[in-house]
Amino acid sequence: MFNLLLPLLKNFLEPEYYVHLAHFVCGIALLHSASISEEDRTLSSLYLNQFVSDYSTLYGSEHMTHNLHKLLHLERSVRLNGPLFLTTCFPFEDMNGRLSNFIHGTRCVDLQIHSNLSIVTKLPLMVQNLREGEVKDYCYSIMKKRKNVKLTERISLKVYLVGYIRDVCNNLSWVKDVLARENLISHSSVVQIFSRLLKNKMLFVARSYARGKRVSSYVKYLSNNDFQFGNVECFVKVSCSCPGDCSCQVQYFAIIRPKPVYPFKIQDITMPHIFTHKCCGACNDINNSDVVNVSAMSSVLYKLDSSNQELVFCEPLNSFELE
């Protein structure tokens, strides 16, 4: 996410250039948020006006372009049309790029686009009409943009257990200890763990997921009517071993080690959606874990390791542009 520009460039830019960039990033971030208040719009307008005002001093008036002037009108555009991500033109630019790939010569450009676009649009129907078998399966596999995750169980509306689920073994006995401390299990409970959860098209991954090399197990979640931040140790399914039909309800939890965070500030600028955490021994104590229902999971966080044992977390600005 572009919000991470600021923590990444913290030790590389001169202070005046760093504060100048912060005005731009914060102003744009406020207008890209899923929920924008009147105060957010006013603050964004101040930041962007300051960014444009200082630009010629730092970079020279010869670099002042019409794109900079457009920044002065973004607040009004959001006031009239909603958040920026709802009116972005990037999808249209992406489509223009795809159309340009249909052109392979300098003659009859319009016919080339029409012919190739016709093939692309009809291809799904052609594949659908194929006989069942390896050929049809192969065609479907190469048409998919990304590999689908394995949905093992449906937990609730738009919430799914992903991947494998296994029983708690001896080396994971601490899981039962944590649940027992919260009075969430009894002698008849069956406890199983899993590492991934799909909720509202957002994939939550626990720290126990060994195959994930580029995923973050840090999340924002609701606890005691307040939003908290933490690292997911694992997800837990608690069921019952009672014989026959019983009224015991299957429950799904996340065991999370909370991470106290503080707003990321640059002078008098408080960055929205960016938080810092100072690592300490208490944060690594499993006895300090929170156990929350998976319905309390709010958002995945992007994590950036910083200096002096400090972590930087970035929350997605909206659910439409998950970068």
Protein backbone atom coordinates (compact mmCIF):
# COMPACT_ATOMS: atom_id res chain seq x y z
CA MET A 1 0.00 0.00 0.00
CA PHE A 2 1.19 3.53 -0.74
CA ASN A 3 0.73 4.36 2.95
CA LEU A 4 3.87 2.34 3.63
CA LEU A 5 5.92 4.91 1.71
CA LEU A 6 6.32 6.97 4.86
CA PRO A 7 7.77 4.33 7.22
CA LEU A 8 9.92 2.99 4.35
CA LEU A 9 11.43 6.38 3.51
CA LYS A 10 11.71 7.64 7.07
CA ASN A 11 15.51 7.41 7.22
CA PHE A 12 16.20 8.36 3.60
CA LEU A 13 14.55 11.75 3.03
CA GLU A 14 15.55 15.11 4.41
CA PRO A 15 13.04 16.35 7.05
CA GLU A 16 11.45 19.03 4.85
CA TYR A 17 10.96 16.59 1.97
CA TYR A 18 9.67 13.91 4.31
CA VAL A 19 7.03 16.22 5.84
CA HIS A 20 6.10 17.38 2.34
CA LEU A 21 5.48 13.77 1.25
CA ALA A 22 3.49 13.14 4.43
CA HIS A 23 1.06 15.93 3.51
CA PHE A 24 0.40 14.24 0.17
CA VAL A 25 0.10 10.66 1.47
CA CYS A 26 -2.15 11.61 4.38
CA GLY A 27 -4.36 13.83 2.22
CA ILE A 28 -4.89 11.10 -0.39
CA ALA A 29 -5.35 8.36 2.23
CA LEU A 30 -8.17 10.26 3.91
CA LEU A 31 -10.04 10.58 0.61
CA HIS A 32 -9.51 6.91 -0.27
CA SER A 33 -11.01 5.64 2.99
CA ALA A 34 -14.19 3.60 3.03
CA SER A 35 -15.79 6.07 5.45
CA ILE A 36 -15.02 9.80 5.16
CA SER A 37 -16.29 12.41 7.60
CA GLU A 38 -16.58 16.14 6.99
CA GLU A 39 -13.60 16.61 9.28
CA ASP A 40 -11.57 14.15 7.16
CA ARG A 41 -12.39 16.10 4.00
CA THR A 42 -11.40 19.40 5.58
CA LEU A 43 -8.15 17.97 6.90
CA SER A 44 -7.36 16.38 3.54
CA SER A 45 -7.94 19.70 1.77
CA LEU A 46 -5.51 21.43 4.16
CA TYR A 47 -2.84 18.77 3.61
CA LEU A 48 -3.13 18.77 -0.17
CA ASN A 49 -3.15 22.58 -0.37
CA GLN A 50 0.00 22.64 1.76
CA PHE A 51 1.60 20.00 -0.48
CA VAL A 52 0.93 22.03 -3.64
CA SER A 53 1.97 25.29 -1.97
CA ASP A 54 5.37 23.92 -0.92
CA TYR A 55 6.05 22.05 -4.16
CA SER A 56 7.64 24.90 -6.13
CA THR A 57 9.88 25.82 -3.19
CA LEU A 58 11.25 22.29 -2.90
CA TYR A 59 11.32 21.16 -6.52
CA GLY A 60 11.10 24.32 -8.62
CA SER A 61 8.19 26.03 -10.34
CA GLU A 62 9.17 24.46 -13.69
CA HIS A 63 7.89 21.14 -12.34
CA MET A 64 4.45 22.46 -11.39
CA THR A 65 2.10 20.56 -13.72
CA HIS A 66 -1.66 20.40 -14.19
CA ASN A 67 -1.69 17.14 -12.20
CA LEU A 68 -0.61 19.08 -9.12
CA HIS A 69 -3.41 21.58 -9.66
CA LYS A 70 -5.93 18.74 -9.82
CA LEU A 71 -5.08 17.84 -6.22
CA LEU A 72 -6.76 21.06 -5.13
CA HIS A 73 -10.11 19.79 -6.46
CA LEU A 74 -10.08 16.27 -5.01
CA GLU A 75 -11.91 17.21 -1.81
CA ARG A 76 -14.78 18.72 -3.81
CA SER A 77 -14.87 15.66 -6.05
CA VAL A 78 -15.20 13.38 -3.00
CA ARG A 79 -17.89 15.62 -1.53
CA LEU A 80 -19.93 15.32 -4.72
CA ASN A 81 -19.15 11.77 -5.85
CA GLY A 82 -17.94 9.77 -2.85
CA PRO A 83 -14.53 8.24 -1.99
CA LEU A 84 -11.83 8.29 -4.65
CA PHE A 85 -11.74 4.52 -5.09
CA LEU A 86 -15.34 4.61 -6.37
CA THR A 87 -14.46 6.94 -9.26
CA THR A 88 -10.96 5.70 -10.11
CA CYS A 89 -10.12 5.41 -13.81
CA PHE A 90 -7.52 2.70 -13.36
CA PRO A 91 -9.92 -0.12 -14.41
CA PHE A 92 -10.49 1.71 -17.71
CA GLU A 93 -6.75 2.20 -18.18
CA ASP A 94 -6.27 -1.50 -17.52
CA MET A 95 -8.86 -2.33 -20.18
CA ASN A 96 -7.13 0.00 -22.65
CA GLY A 97 -3.92 -1.92 -22.01
CA ARG A 98 -5.66 -5.20 -22.75
CA LEU A 99 -7.15 -3.83 -25.97
CA SER A 100 -3.70 -2.71 -27.13
CA ASN A 101 -2.53 -6.33 -26.81
CA PHE A 102 -5.04 -7.27 -29.52
CA ILE A 103 -3.12 -5.20 -32.08
CA HIS A 104 -0.29 -7.05 -33.85
CA GLY A 105 0.21 -4.94 -36.98
CA THR A 106 -0.16 -1.42 -38.38
CA ARG A 107 -2.98 -2.17 -40.83
CA CYS A 108 -6.71 -2.63 -40.15
CA VAL A 109 -6.36 -1.91 -36.45
CA ASP A 110 -10.12 -1.78 -35.93
CA LEU A 111 -10.62 -5.24 -37.49
CA GLN A 112 -7.81 -6.70 -35.39
CA ILE A 113 -9.42 -5.45 -32.17
CA HIS A 114 -12.89 -6.64 -33.25
CA SER A 115 -11.68 -10.11 -34.27
CA ASN A 116 -9.50 -10.77 -31.22
CA LEU A 117 -12.01 -9.29 -28.76
CA SER A 118 -14.72 -11.51 -30.27
CA ILE A 119 -12.57 -14.59 -29.66
CA VAL A 120 -11.86 -13.58 -26.05
CA THR A 121 -15.50 -12.88 -25.19
CA LYS A 122 -16.74 -16.10 -26.79
CA LEU A 123 -14.01 -18.29 -25.27
CA PRO A 124 -15.82 -18.97 -21.94
CA LEU A 125 -18.93 -20.16 -23.80
CA MET A 126 -16.83 -22.38 -26.07
CA VAL A 127 -15.13 -23.96 -23.06
CA GLN A 128 -18.49 -24.43 -21.32
CA ASN A 129 -19.79 -26.37 -24.33
CA LEU A 130 -16.86 -28.81 -24.29
CA ARG A 131 -17.49 -32.37 -23.14
CA GLU A 132 -16.54 -33.15 -19.56
CA GLY A 133 -13.00 -34.39 -19.27
CA GLU A 134 -9.35 -33.45 -18.95
CA VAL A 135 -9.46 -30.96 -21.83
CA LYS A 136 -12.30 -28.96 -20.27
CA ASP A 137 -10.65 -29.05 -16.83
CA TYR A 138 -7.39 -27.82 -18.34
CA CYS A 139 -9.10 -24.94 -20.14
CA TYR A 140 -10.82 -23.85 -16.94
CA SER A 141 -7.52 -24.02 -15.05
CA ILE A 142 -5.67 -21.68 -17.45
CA MET A 143 -8.62 -19.26 -17.61
CA LYS A 144 -8.55 -18.63 -13.86
CA LYS A 145 -6.69 -15.49 -12.81
CA ARG A 146 -5.60 -16.98 -9.53
CA LYS A 147 -5.69 -20.26 -7.73
CA ASN A 148 -8.81 -20.62 -5.63
CA VAL A 149 -8.40 -21.45 -1.96
CA LYS A 150 -9.82 -24.70 -0.66
CA LEU A 151 -13.02 -23.93 1.25
CA THR A 152 -13.35 -26.72 3.80
CA GLU A 153 -16.36 -25.58 5.83
CA ARG A 154 -18.92 -22.80 5.70
CA ILE A 155 -18.97 -21.09 9.09
CA SER A 156 -21.53 -18.38 8.36
CA LEU A 157 -22.49 -15.98 5.59
CA LYS A 158 -19.30 -15.10 3.65
CA VAL A 159 -17.12 -16.78 6.29
CA TYR A 160 -15.29 -20.02 5.49
CA LEU A 161 -12.73 -22.35 7.01
CA VAL A 162 -9.89 -22.68 4.50
CA GLY A 163 -7.52 -25.61 4.08
CA TYR A 164 -6.86 -28.46 6.46
CA ILE A 165 -8.13 -28.85 10.00
CA ARG A 166 -6.48 -31.14 12.53
CA ASP A 167 -6.87 -32.31 16.11
CA VAL A 168 -4.89 -30.68 18.89
CA CYS A 169 -1.85 -32.86 19.68
CA ASN A 170 0.40 -32.90 22.74
CA ASN A 171 2.72 -30.13 21.59
CA LEU A 172 -0.32 -27.85 21.18
CA SER A 173 -1.86 -28.52 24.57
CA TRP A 174 -1.54 -24.80 25.34
CA VAL A 175 -4.49 -24.24 23.00
CA LYS A 176 -6.79 -26.16 25.33
CA ASP A 177 -5.29 -24.36 28.32
CA VAL A 178 -6.10 -20.97 26.80
CA LEU A 179 -9.67 -22.04 25.95
CA ALA A 180 -10.21 -23.54 29.40
CA ARG A 181 -9.05 -20.32 31.01
CA GLU A 182 -11.88 -18.54 29.16
CA ASN A 183 -14.40 -21.30 30.06
CA LEU A 184 -14.95 -22.06 26.38
CA ILE A 185 -14.52 -25.84 26.56
CA SER A 186 -15.66 -28.69 28.78
CA HIS A 187 -14.61 -32.31 29.25
CA SER A 188 -16.76 -33.33 26.27
CA SER A 189 -15.41 -30.70 23.87
CA VAL A 190 -13.52 -31.65 20.73
CA VAL A 191 -10.87 -29.06 19.88
CA GLN A 192 -9.39 -28.75 16.39
CA ILE A 193 -7.17 -26.08 14.87
CA PHE A 194 -6.78 -24.58 11.40
CA SER A 195 -4.60 -21.85 9.93
CA ARG A 196 -6.67 -19.90 7.41
CA LEU A 197 -10.03 -18.15 7.41
CA LEU A 198 -11.80 -16.46 4.50
CA LYS A 199 -14.13 -13.66 5.57
CA ASN A 200 -15.74 -11.14 3.21
CA LYS A 201 -13.21 -12.09 0.50
CA MET A 202 -10.32 -11.30 2.87
CA LEU A 203 -7.96 -14.16 3.75
CA PHE A 204 -6.86 -14.22 7.39
CA VAL A 205 -3.76 -16.35 7.98
CA ALA A 206 -2.47 -17.56 11.35
CA ARG A 207 1.17 -17.50 12.37
CA SER A 208 1.06 -21.31 12.43
CA TYR A 209 0.61 -21.42 8.63
CA ALA A 210 4.07 -22.59 7.60
CA ARG A 211 3.54 -22.42 3.82
CA GLY A 212 2.81 -18.70 3.73
CA LYS A 213 5.95 -16.72 2.92
CA ARG A 214 4.40 -13.39 1.95
CA VAL A 215 1.36 -13.22 4.19
CA SER A 216 0.72 -11.29 7.38
CA SER A 217 -0.84 -12.88 10.44
CA TYR A 218 -1.47 -9.49 12.06
CA VAL A 219 -5.09 -8.40 12.30
CA LYS A 220 -7.47 -5.80 13.62
CA TYR A 221 -10.25 -7.26 15.74
CA LEU A 222 -13.04 -6.28 18.10
CA SER A 223 -12.61 -7.05 21.80
CA ASN A 224 -14.58 -5.58 24.71
CA ASN A 225 -16.36 -3.19 22.32
CA ASP A 226 -13.07 -1.69 21.17
CA PHE A 227 -10.78 -2.36 18.23
CA GLN A 228 -7.49 -4.07 19.07
CA PHE A 229 -4.46 -5.19 17.07
CA GLY A 230 -2.62 -8.48 17.36
CA ASN A 231 -0.94 -11.53 15.87
CA VAL A 232 -3.12 -14.60 15.19
CA GLU A 233 -1.56 -17.72 16.67
CA CYS A 234 -4.17 -20.11 15.29
CA PHE A 235 -7.85 -20.58 14.60
CA VAL A 236 -9.86 -23.06 16.65
CA LYS A 237 -12.99 -25.11 16.07
CA VAL A 238 -14.76 -26.28 19.23
CA SER A 239 -17.39 -29.00 18.81
CA CYS A 240 -18.98 -31.64 21.01
CA SER A 241 -18.38 -35.37 21.41
CA CYS A 242 -21.84 -36.06 22.83
CA PRO A 243 -23.42 -39.22 21.34
CA GLY A 244 -26.40 -38.70 19.05
CA ASP A 245 -28.07 -35.37 18.40
CA CYS A 246 -27.37 -32.66 20.94
CA SER A 247 -27.94 -28.92 21.23
CA CYS A 248 -24.24 -28.11 21.56
CA GLN A 249 -23.25 -25.40 19.08
CA VAL A 250 -20.05 -25.57 17.04
CA GLN A 251 -17.97 -22.46 17.65
CA TYR A 252 -14.97 -20.97 15.87
CA PHE A 253 -12.38 -18.81 17.62
CA ALA A 254 -9.12 -17.02 16.93
CA ILE A 255 -6.34 -17.04 19.52
CA ILE A 256 -4.54 -13.71 19.21
CA ARG A 257 -1.55 -12.19 20.97
CA PRO A 258 -2.49 -8.50 21.38
CA LYS A 259 -0.07 -5.82 20.25
CA PRO A 260 -0.58 -2.36 21.81
CA VAL A 261 -0.20 0.21 19.03
CA TYR A 262 0.23 3.96 18.73
CA PRO A 263 -0.63 6.32 15.87
CA PHE A 264 2.15 6.96 13.37
CA LYS A 265 2.94 10.69 13.57
CA ILE A 266 5.13 13.04 11.56
CA GLN A 267 5.34 16.34 13.43
CA ASP A 268 1.69 17.43 13.74
CA ILE A 269 0.45 15.00 11.08
CA THR A 270 -1.27 11.86 12.36
CA MET A 271 -1.34 9.21 9.67
CA PRO A 272 -4.66 7.37 9.30
CA HIS A 273 -4.48 3.58 9.08
CA ILE A 274 -0.79 3.45 10.12
CA PHE A 275 0.22 2.30 13.61
CA THR A 276 3.46 1.45 15.40
CA HIS A 277 4.18 -1.16 18.04
CA LYS A 278 7.19 -1.34 20.32
CA CYS A 279 8.12 -4.99 20.89
CA CYS A 280 8.36 -6.20 24.49
CA GLY A 281 8.56 -9.50 26.33
CA ALA A 282 4.95 -9.35 27.51
CA CYS A 283 3.71 -9.40 23.90
CA ASN A 284 5.27 -12.83 23.39
CA ASP A 285 3.63 -14.40 26.44
CA ILE A 286 0.96 -16.83 25.28
CA ASN A 287 -0.85 -16.38 28.60
CA ASN A 288 -1.72 -12.83 27.52
CA SER A 289 -3.65 -14.07 24.50
CA ASP A 290 -7.13 -12.92 23.56
CA VAL A 291 -9.70 -15.49 22.43
CA VAL A 292 -12.34 -13.97 20.14
CA ASN A 293 -15.06 -15.35 17.93
CA VAL A 294 -14.08 -15.24 14.25
CA SER A 295 -16.99 -12.84 13.69
CA ALA A 296 -14.92 -10.24 15.58
CA MET A 297 -12.15 -10.28 12.96
CA SER A 298 -12.19 -6.91 11.22
CA SER A 299 -9.24 -6.62 8.84
CA VAL A 300 -5.88 -8.04 7.83
CA LEU A 301 -2.93 -5.72 8.56
CA TYR A 302 0.17 -5.22 6.46
CA LYS A 303 3.29 -5.47 8.63
CA LEU A 304 6.62 -3.74 8.15
CA ASP A 305 9.66 -4.47 10.33
CA SER A 306 11.41 -1.32 11.42
CA SER A 307 14.43 -0.44 13.54
CA ASN A 308 14.77 -0.65 17.33
CA GLN A 309 12.40 -3.62 17.62
CA GLU A 310 9.55 -1.52 16.28
CA LEU A 311 6.78 -2.84 14.06
CA VAL A 312 4.67 -0.77 11.69
CA PHE A 313 1.14 -1.89 10.81
CA CYS A 314 -0.94 -0.57 7.95
CA GLU A 315 -4.68 -1.12 7.69
CA PRO A 316 -6.25 -1.27 4.20
CA LEU A 317 -7.98 1.99 3.34
CA ASN A 318 -10.97 0.16 1.86
CA SER A 319 -12.04 -3.30 0.78
CA PHE A 320 -12.17 -2.41 -2.92
CA GLU A 321 -8.46 -1.73 -3.42
CA LEU A 322 -6.75 -4.52 -1.49
CA GLU A 323 -3.17 -4.11 -2.67
